[in-house]
């Protein structure tokens, strides 16, 4: 797991203190770990970690569905 992905995981767990961890393949949207209100904050976090803006339309929503997808789309070398 990359440092950036660890930051994303910590951000999600801080918002869901009832969880002890998140499986890399859990659907973050279906499980409501990311909701419509938190999505903009989530995007801002990804932009801060990558150092570049995120175009959701060009990227597609599936890139945000799991930690594995996020890693591949934004943090993999």
PDB file of N, CA and C in Angstrom:
ATOM      1  N   UNK A   1       0.853  -1.185   0.000  1.00  0.00           N
ATOM      2  CA  UNK A   1       0.000   0.000   0.000  1.00  0.00           C
ATOM      3  C   UNK A   1       0.894   1.242   0.000  1.00  0.00           C
ATOM      4  N   UNK A   2       0.589   2.169  -0.883  1.00  0.00           N
ATOM      5  CA  UNK A   2       1.370   3.400  -0.969  1.00  0.00           C
ATOM      6  C   UNK A   2       1.049   4.321   0.205  1.00  0.00           C
ATOM      7  N   UNK A   3       1.962   5.259   0.474  1.00  0.00           N
ATOM      8  CA  UNK A   3       1.717   6.236   1.537  1.00  0.00           C
ATOM      9  C   UNK A   3       0.436   7.021   1.274  1.00  0.00           C
ATOM     10  N   UNK A   4       0.221   7.386   0.012  1.00  0.00           N
ATOM     11  CA  UNK A   4      -0.983   8.150  -0.333  1.00  0.00           C
ATOM     12  C   UNK A   4      -2.238   7.339  -0.038  1.00  0.00           C
ATOM     13  N   UNK A   5      -2.208   6.065  -0.361  1.00  0.00           N
ATOM     14  CA  UNK A   5      -3.369   5.217  -0.105  1.00  0.00           C
ATOM     15  C   UNK A   5      -3.588   5.033   1.397  1.00  0.00           C
ATOM     16  N   UNK A   6      -2.515   5.026   2.159  1.00  0.00           N
ATOM     17  CA  UNK A   6      -2.645   4.965   3.615  1.00  0.00           C
ATOM     18  C   UNK A   6      -3.333   6.220   4.146  1.00  0.00           C
ATOM     19  N   UNK A   7      -3.036   7.370   3.544  1.00  0.00           N
ATOM     20  CA  UNK A   7      -3.713   8.619   3.935  1.00  0.00           C
ATOM     21  C   UNK A   7      -5.203   8.551   3.617  1.00  0.00           C
ATOM     22  N   UNK A   8      -5.532   8.011   2.457  1.00  0.00           N
ATOM     23  CA  UNK A   8      -6.941   7.864   2.073  1.00  0.00           C
ATOM     24  C   UNK A   8      -7.647   6.927   3.056  1.00  0.00           C
ATOM     25  N   UNK A   9      -7.024   5.821   3.371  1.00  0.00           N
ATOM     26  CA  UNK A   9      -7.605   4.866   4.312  1.00  0.00           C
ATOM     27  C   UNK A   9      -7.818   5.508   5.680  1.00  0.00           C
ATOM     28  N   UNK A  10      -6.822   6.235   6.153  1.00  0.00           N
ATOM     29  CA  UNK A  10      -6.941   6.916   7.453  1.00  0.00           C
ATOM     30  C   UNK A  10      -8.072   7.935   7.412  1.00  0.00           C
ATOM     31  N   UNK A  11      -8.217   8.650   6.317  1.00  0.00           N
ATOM     32  CA  UNK A  11      -9.288   9.650   6.159  1.00  0.00           C
ATOM     33  C   UNK A  11     -10.655   8.962   6.257  1.00  0.00           C
ATOM     34  N   UNK A  12     -10.793   7.836   5.562  1.00  0.00           N
ATOM     35  CA  UNK A  12     -12.061   7.104   5.597  1.00  0.00           C
ATOM     36  C   UNK A  12     -12.345   6.548   6.993  1.00  0.00           C
ATOM     37  N   UNK A  13     -11.342   5.967   7.621  1.00  0.00           N
ATOM     38  CA  UNK A  13     -11.537   5.388   8.952  1.00  0.00           C
ATOM     39  C   UNK A  13     -11.848   6.455   9.994  1.00  0.00           C
ATOM     40  N   UNK A  14     -11.306   7.656   9.839  1.00  0.00           N
ATOM     41  CA  UNK A  14     -11.615   8.747  10.765  1.00  0.00           C
ATOM     42  C   UNK A  14     -13.088   9.132  10.685  1.00  0.00           C
ATOM     43  N   UNK A  15     -13.684   8.944   9.517  1.00  0.00           N
ATOM     44  CA  UNK A  15     -15.100   9.265   9.334  1.00  0.00           C
ATOM     45  C   UNK A  15     -16.019   8.103   9.708  1.00  0.00           C
ATOM     46  N   UNK A  16     -15.418   6.950   9.922  1.00  0.00           N
ATOM     47  CA  UNK A  16     -16.178   5.750  10.281  1.00  0.00           C
ATOM     48  C   UNK A  16     -15.455   5.027  11.418  1.00  0.00           C
ATOM     49  N   UNK A  17     -15.484   5.613  12.619  1.00  0.00           N
ATOM     50  CA  UNK A  17     -14.721   5.044  13.740  1.00  0.00           C
ATOM     51  C   UNK A  17     -15.182   3.652  14.173  1.00  0.00           C
ATOM     52  N   UNK A  18     -16.333   3.223  13.682  1.00  0.00           N
ATOM     53  CA  UNK A  18     -16.818   1.882  14.003  1.00  0.00           C
ATOM     54  C   UNK A  18     -16.066   0.794  13.225  1.00  0.00           C
ATOM     55  N   UNK A  19     -15.298   1.178  12.215  1.00  0.00           N
ATOM     56  CA  UNK A  19     -14.543   0.216  11.411  1.00  0.00           C
ATOM     57  C   UNK A  19     -13.112   0.087  11.916  1.00  0.00           C
ATOM     58  N   UNK A  20     -12.575  -1.106  11.800  1.00  0.00           N
ATOM     59  CA  UNK A  20     -11.175  -1.310  12.179  1.00  0.00           C
ATOM     60  C   UNK A  20     -10.277  -1.353  10.949  1.00  0.00           C
ATOM     61  N   UNK A  21     -10.852  -1.512   9.779  1.00  0.00           N
ATOM     62  CA  UNK A  21     -10.086  -1.558   8.543  1.00  0.00           C
ATOM     63  C   UNK A  21     -11.003  -1.590   7.342  1.00  0.00           C
ATOM     64  N   UNK A  22     -10.396  -1.434   6.176  1.00  0.00           N
ATOM     65  CA  UNK A  22     -11.142  -1.454   4.921  1.00  0.00           C
ATOM     66  C   UNK A  22     -10.410  -2.382   3.968  1.00  0.00           C
ATOM     67  N   UNK A  23     -11.133  -3.338   3.431  1.00  0.00           N
ATOM     68  CA  UNK A  23     -10.549  -4.240   2.447  1.00  0.00           C
ATOM     69  C   UNK A  23     -10.270  -3.443   1.172  1.00  0.00           C
ATOM     70  N   UNK A  24      -9.135  -3.668   0.537  1.00  0.00           N
ATOM     71  CA  UNK A  24      -8.803  -2.915  -0.679  1.00  0.00           C
ATOM     72  C   UNK A  24      -9.829  -3.023  -1.801  1.00  0.00           C
ATOM     73  N   UNK A  25     -10.643  -4.084  -1.788  1.00  0.00           N
ATOM     74  CA  UNK A  25     -11.626  -4.272  -2.854  1.00  0.00           C
ATOM     75  C   UNK A  25     -13.056  -3.940  -2.440  1.00  0.00           C
ATOM     76  N   UNK A  26     -13.252  -3.458  -1.203  1.00  0.00           N
ATOM     77  CA  UNK A  26     -14.584  -3.027  -0.771  1.00  0.00           C
ATOM     78  C   UNK A  26     -15.068  -1.880  -1.652  1.00  0.00           C
ATOM     79  N   UNK A  27     -16.332  -1.908  -2.009  1.00  0.00           N
ATOM     80  CA  UNK A  27     -16.922  -0.818  -2.788  1.00  0.00           C
ATOM     81  C   UNK A  27     -17.220   0.333  -1.835  1.00  0.00           C
ATOM     82  N   UNK A  28     -16.450   1.394  -1.944  1.00  0.00           N
ATOM     83  CA  UNK A  28     -16.551   2.529  -1.026  1.00  0.00           C
ATOM     84  C   UNK A  28     -17.858   3.291  -1.170  1.00  0.00           C
ATOM     85  N   UNK A  29     -18.433   3.252  -2.355  1.00  0.00           N
ATOM     86  CA  UNK A  29     -19.678   3.978  -2.608  1.00  0.00           C
ATOM     87  C   UNK A  29     -20.878   3.146  -2.157  1.00  0.00           C
ATOM     88  N   UNK A  30     -20.934   1.886  -2.590  1.00  0.00           N
ATOM     89  CA  UNK A  30     -22.046   1.011  -2.208  1.00  0.00           C
ATOM     90  C   UNK A  30     -22.117   0.812  -0.694  1.00  0.00           C
ATOM     91  N   UNK A  31     -20.959   0.742  -0.050  1.00  0.00           N
ATOM     92  CA  UNK A  31     -20.927   0.541   1.405  1.00  0.00           C
ATOM     93  C   UNK A  31     -21.135   1.849   2.167  1.00  0.00           C
ATOM     94  N   UNK A  32     -21.284   2.943   1.431  1.00  0.00           N
ATOM     95  CA  UNK A  32     -21.536   4.273   1.983  1.00  0.00           C
ATOM     96  C   UNK A  32     -20.367   4.806   2.813  1.00  0.00           C
ATOM     97  N   UNK A  33     -19.169   4.311   2.532  1.00  0.00           N
ATOM     98  CA  UNK A  33     -17.983   4.891   3.163  1.00  0.00           C
ATOM     99  C   UNK A  33     -17.704   6.269   2.572  1.00  0.00           C
ATOM    100  N   UNK A  34     -18.130   6.448   1.330  1.00  0.00           N
ATOM    101  CA  UNK A  34     -18.099   7.766   0.686  1.00  0.00           C
ATOM    102  C   UNK A  34     -19.531   8.056   0.260  1.00  0.00           C
ATOM    103  N   UNK A  35     -20.067   9.168   0.750  1.00  0.00           N
ATOM    104  CA  UNK A  35     -21.415   9.554   0.346  1.00  0.00           C
ATOM    105  C   UNK A  35     -21.337  10.829  -0.490  1.00  0.00           C
ATOM    106  N   UNK A  36     -22.463  11.273  -0.946  1.00  0.00           N
ATOM    107  CA  UNK A  36     -22.475  12.442  -1.832  1.00  0.00           C
ATOM    108  C   UNK A  36     -21.944  13.693  -1.139  1.00  0.00           C
ATOM    109  N   UNK A  37     -22.181  13.820   0.146  1.00  0.00           N
ATOM    110  CA  UNK A  37     -21.690  14.989   0.869  1.00  0.00           C
ATOM    111  C   UNK A  37     -20.179  14.948   1.062  1.00  0.00           C
ATOM    112  N   UNK A  38     -19.638  13.782   1.269  1.00  0.00           N
ATOM    113  CA  UNK A  38     -18.208  13.654   1.499  1.00  0.00           C
ATOM    114  C   UNK A  38     -17.381  13.509   0.237  1.00  0.00           C
ATOM    115  N   UNK A  39     -18.040  13.328  -0.908  1.00  0.00           N
ATOM    116  CA  UNK A  39     -17.297  13.074  -2.136  1.00  0.00           C
ATOM    117  C   UNK A  39     -16.405  14.244  -2.529  1.00  0.00           C
ATOM    118  N   UNK A  40     -16.880  15.458  -2.356  1.00  0.00           N
ATOM    119  CA  UNK A  40     -16.049  16.618  -2.710  1.00  0.00           C
ATOM    120  C   UNK A  40     -14.817  16.709  -1.823  1.00  0.00           C
ATOM    121  N   UNK A  41     -14.977  16.425  -0.541  1.00  0.00           N
ATOM    122  CA  UNK A  41     -13.826  16.382   0.361  1.00  0.00           C
ATOM    123  C   UNK A  41     -12.867  15.280  -0.062  1.00  0.00           C
ATOM    124  N   UNK A  42     -13.426  14.156  -0.448  1.00  0.00           N
ATOM    125  CA  UNK A  42     -12.634  13.027  -0.908  1.00  0.00           C
ATOM    126  C   UNK A  42     -11.822  13.400  -2.151  1.00  0.00           C
ATOM    127  N   UNK A  43     -12.467  14.079  -3.098  1.00  0.00           N
ATOM    128  CA  UNK A  43     -11.757  14.545  -4.292  1.00  0.00           C
ATOM    129  C   UNK A  43     -10.639  15.513  -3.932  1.00  0.00           C
ATOM    130  N   UNK A  44     -10.912  16.417  -3.017  1.00  0.00           N
ATOM    131  CA  UNK A  44      -9.894  17.379  -2.586  1.00  0.00           C
ATOM    132  C   UNK A  44      -8.701  16.648  -1.973  1.00  0.00           C
ATOM    133  N   UNK A  45      -8.958  15.607  -1.212  1.00  0.00           N
ATOM    134  CA  UNK A  45      -7.885  14.812  -0.627  1.00  0.00           C
ATOM    135  C   UNK A  45      -7.039  14.159  -1.719  1.00  0.00           C
ATOM    136  N   UNK A  46      -7.672  13.559  -2.686  1.00  0.00           N
ATOM    137  CA  UNK A  46      -6.933  12.909  -3.779  1.00  0.00           C
ATOM    138  C   UNK A  46      -6.118  13.941  -4.549  1.00  0.00           C
ATOM    139  N   UNK A  47      -6.711  15.092  -4.819  1.00  0.00           N
ATOM    140  CA  UNK A  47      -5.983  16.154  -5.523  1.00  0.00           C
ATOM    141  C   UNK A  47      -4.776  16.614  -4.718  1.00  0.00           C
ATOM    142  N   UNK A  48      -4.938  16.743  -3.426  1.00  0.00           N
ATOM    143  CA  UNK A  48      -3.826  17.158  -2.568  1.00  0.00           C
ATOM    144  C   UNK A  48      -2.716  16.102  -2.571  1.00  0.00           C
ATOM    145  N   UNK A  49      -3.098  14.843  -2.516  1.00  0.00           N
ATOM    146  CA  UNK A  49      -2.109  13.765  -2.477  1.00  0.00           C
ATOM    147  C   UNK A  49      -1.398  13.557  -3.812  1.00  0.00           C
ATOM    148  N   UNK A  50      -2.094  13.793  -4.913  1.00  0.00           N
ATOM    149  CA  UNK A  50      -1.477  13.601  -6.231  1.00  0.00           C
ATOM    150  C   UNK A  50      -0.812  14.870  -6.747  1.00  0.00           C
ATOM    151  N   UNK A  51      -1.252  16.012  -6.228  1.00  0.00           N
ATOM    152  CA  UNK A  51      -0.695  17.275  -6.695  1.00  0.00           C
ATOM    153  C   UNK A  51      -1.253  17.727  -8.031  1.00  0.00           C
ATOM    154  N   UNK A  52      -2.378  17.147  -8.412  1.00  0.00           N
ATOM    155  CA  UNK A  52      -2.999  17.552  -9.685  1.00  0.00           C
ATOM    156  C   UNK A  52      -4.517  17.464  -9.576  1.00  0.00           C
ATOM    157  N   UNK A  53      -5.227  18.241 -10.392  1.00  0.00           N
ATOM    158  CA  UNK A  53      -6.691  18.198 -10.351  1.00  0.00           C
ATOM    159  C   UNK A  53      -7.221  16.864 -10.872  1.00  0.00           C
ATOM    160  N   UNK A  54      -8.387  16.498 -10.383  1.00  0.00           N
ATOM    161  CA  UNK A  54      -9.050  15.262 -10.810  1.00  0.00           C
ATOM    162  C   UNK A  54     -10.264  15.637 -11.638  1.00  0.00           C
ATOM    163  N   UNK A  55     -10.316  15.125 -12.856  1.00  0.00           N
ATOM    164  CA  UNK A  55     -11.472  15.318 -13.728  1.00  0.00           C
ATOM    165  C   UNK A  55     -12.327  14.060 -13.625  1.00  0.00           C
ATOM    166  N   UNK A  56     -13.388  14.142 -12.829  1.00  0.00           N
ATOM    167  CA  UNK A  56     -14.227  12.967 -12.561  1.00  0.00           C
ATOM    168  C   UNK A  56     -14.851  12.432 -13.843  1.00  0.00           C
ATOM    169  N   UNK A  57     -15.286  13.316 -14.726  1.00  0.00           N
ATOM    170  CA  UNK A  57     -15.917  12.870 -15.967  1.00  0.00           C
ATOM    171  C   UNK A  57     -14.937  12.092 -16.836  1.00  0.00           C
ATOM    172  N   UNK A  58     -13.711  12.576 -16.928  1.00  0.00           N
ATOM    173  CA  UNK A  58     -12.710  11.895 -17.755  1.00  0.00           C
ATOM    174  C   UNK A  58     -12.210  10.622 -17.088  1.00  0.00           C
ATOM    175  N   UNK A  59     -12.135  10.637 -15.763  1.00  0.00           N
ATOM    176  CA  UNK A  59     -11.608   9.493 -15.020  1.00  0.00           C
ATOM    177  C   UNK A  59     -12.636   8.387 -14.903  1.00  0.00           C
ATOM    178  N   UNK A  60     -13.870   8.742 -14.633  1.00  0.00           N
ATOM    179  CA  UNK A  60     -14.937   7.758 -14.444  1.00  0.00           C
ATOM    180  C   UNK A  60     -15.099   7.408 -12.974  1.00  0.00           C
ATOM    181  N   UNK A  61     -16.313   7.166 -12.579  1.00  0.00           N
ATOM    182  CA  UNK A  61     -16.641   6.924 -11.174  1.00  0.00           C
ATOM    183  C   UNK A  61     -16.042   5.618 -10.662  1.00  0.00           C
ATOM    184  N   UNK A  62     -15.820   4.653 -11.535  1.00  0.00           N
ATOM    185  CA  UNK A  62     -15.280   3.367 -11.085  1.00  0.00           C
ATOM    186  C   UNK A  62     -13.894   3.499 -10.459  1.00  0.00           C
ATOM    187  N   UNK A  63     -13.153   4.503 -10.827  1.00  0.00           N
ATOM    188  CA  UNK A  63     -11.827   4.721 -10.235  1.00  0.00           C
ATOM    189  C   UNK A  63     -11.912   5.033  -8.745  1.00  0.00           C
ATOM    190  N   UNK A  64     -13.080   5.449  -8.277  1.00  0.00           N
ATOM    191  CA  UNK A  64     -13.263   5.846  -6.886  1.00  0.00           C
ATOM    192  C   UNK A  64     -13.968   4.768  -6.061  1.00  0.00           C
ATOM    193  N   UNK A  65     -14.294   3.646  -6.675  1.00  0.00           N
ATOM    194  CA  UNK A  65     -15.108   2.636  -5.999  1.00  0.00           C
ATOM    195  C   UNK A  65     -14.368   1.825  -4.945  1.00  0.00           C
ATOM    196  N   UNK A  66     -13.068   1.667  -5.080  1.00  0.00           N
ATOM    197  CA  UNK A  66     -12.332   0.862  -4.100  1.00  0.00           C
ATOM    198  C   UNK A  66     -10.930   1.433  -3.908  1.00  0.00           C
ATOM    199  N   UNK A  67     -10.303   1.028  -2.835  1.00  0.00           N
ATOM    200  CA  UNK A  67      -8.930   1.444  -2.593  1.00  0.00           C
ATOM    201  C   UNK A  67      -8.010   0.908  -3.678  1.00  0.00           C
ATOM    202  N   UNK A  68      -8.275  -0.303  -4.149  1.00  0.00           N
ATOM    203  CA  UNK A  68      -7.476  -0.887  -5.238  1.00  0.00           C
ATOM    204  C   UNK A  68      -7.592  -0.046  -6.506  1.00  0.00           C
ATOM    205  N   UNK A  69      -8.817   0.345  -6.845  1.00  0.00           N
ATOM    206  CA  UNK A  69      -9.024   1.172  -8.037  1.00  0.00           C
ATOM    207  C   UNK A  69      -8.348   2.532  -7.895  1.00  0.00           C
ATOM    208  N   UNK A  70      -8.461   3.127  -6.716  1.00  0.00           N
ATOM    209  CA  UNK A  70      -7.803   4.410  -6.468  1.00  0.00           C
ATOM    210  C   UNK A  70      -6.296   4.294  -6.655  1.00  0.00           C
ATOM    211  N   UNK A  71      -5.737   3.236  -6.113  1.00  0.00           N
ATOM    212  CA  UNK A  71      -4.303   3.033  -6.211  1.00  0.00           C
ATOM    213  C   UNK A  71      -3.870   2.947  -7.672  1.00  0.00           C
ATOM    214  N   UNK A  72      -4.589   2.141  -8.448  1.00  0.00           N
ATOM    215  CA  UNK A  72      -4.254   1.992  -9.874  1.00  0.00           C
ATOM    216  C   UNK A  72      -4.429   3.304 -10.644  1.00  0.00           C
ATOM    217  N   UNK A  73      -5.509   4.017 -10.369  1.00  0.00           N
ATOM    218  CA  UNK A  73      -5.839   5.217 -11.142  1.00  0.00           C
ATOM    219  C   UNK A  73      -4.999   6.436 -10.771  1.00  0.00           C
ATOM    220  N   UNK A  74      -4.616   6.551  -9.492  1.00  0.00           N
ATOM    221  CA  UNK A  74      -3.994   7.805  -9.056  1.00  0.00           C
ATOM    222  C   UNK A  74      -2.607   7.673  -8.424  1.00  0.00           C
ATOM    223  N   UNK A  75      -2.309   6.538  -7.823  1.00  0.00           N
ATOM    224  CA  UNK A  75      -1.085   6.466  -7.019  1.00  0.00           C
ATOM    225  C   UNK A  75      -0.035   5.489  -7.518  1.00  0.00           C
ATOM    226  N   UNK A  76      -0.380   4.623  -8.480  1.00  0.00           N
ATOM    227  CA  UNK A  76       0.599   3.662  -8.993  1.00  0.00           C
ATOM    228  C   UNK A  76       1.631   4.399  -9.848  1.00  0.00           C
ATOM    229  N   UNK A  77       2.844   3.928  -9.759  1.00  0.00           N
ATOM    230  CA  UNK A  77       3.931   4.580 -10.512  1.00  0.00           C
ATOM    231  C   UNK A  77       3.828   4.287 -11.987  1.00  0.00           C
TER     232      UNK A  77
END
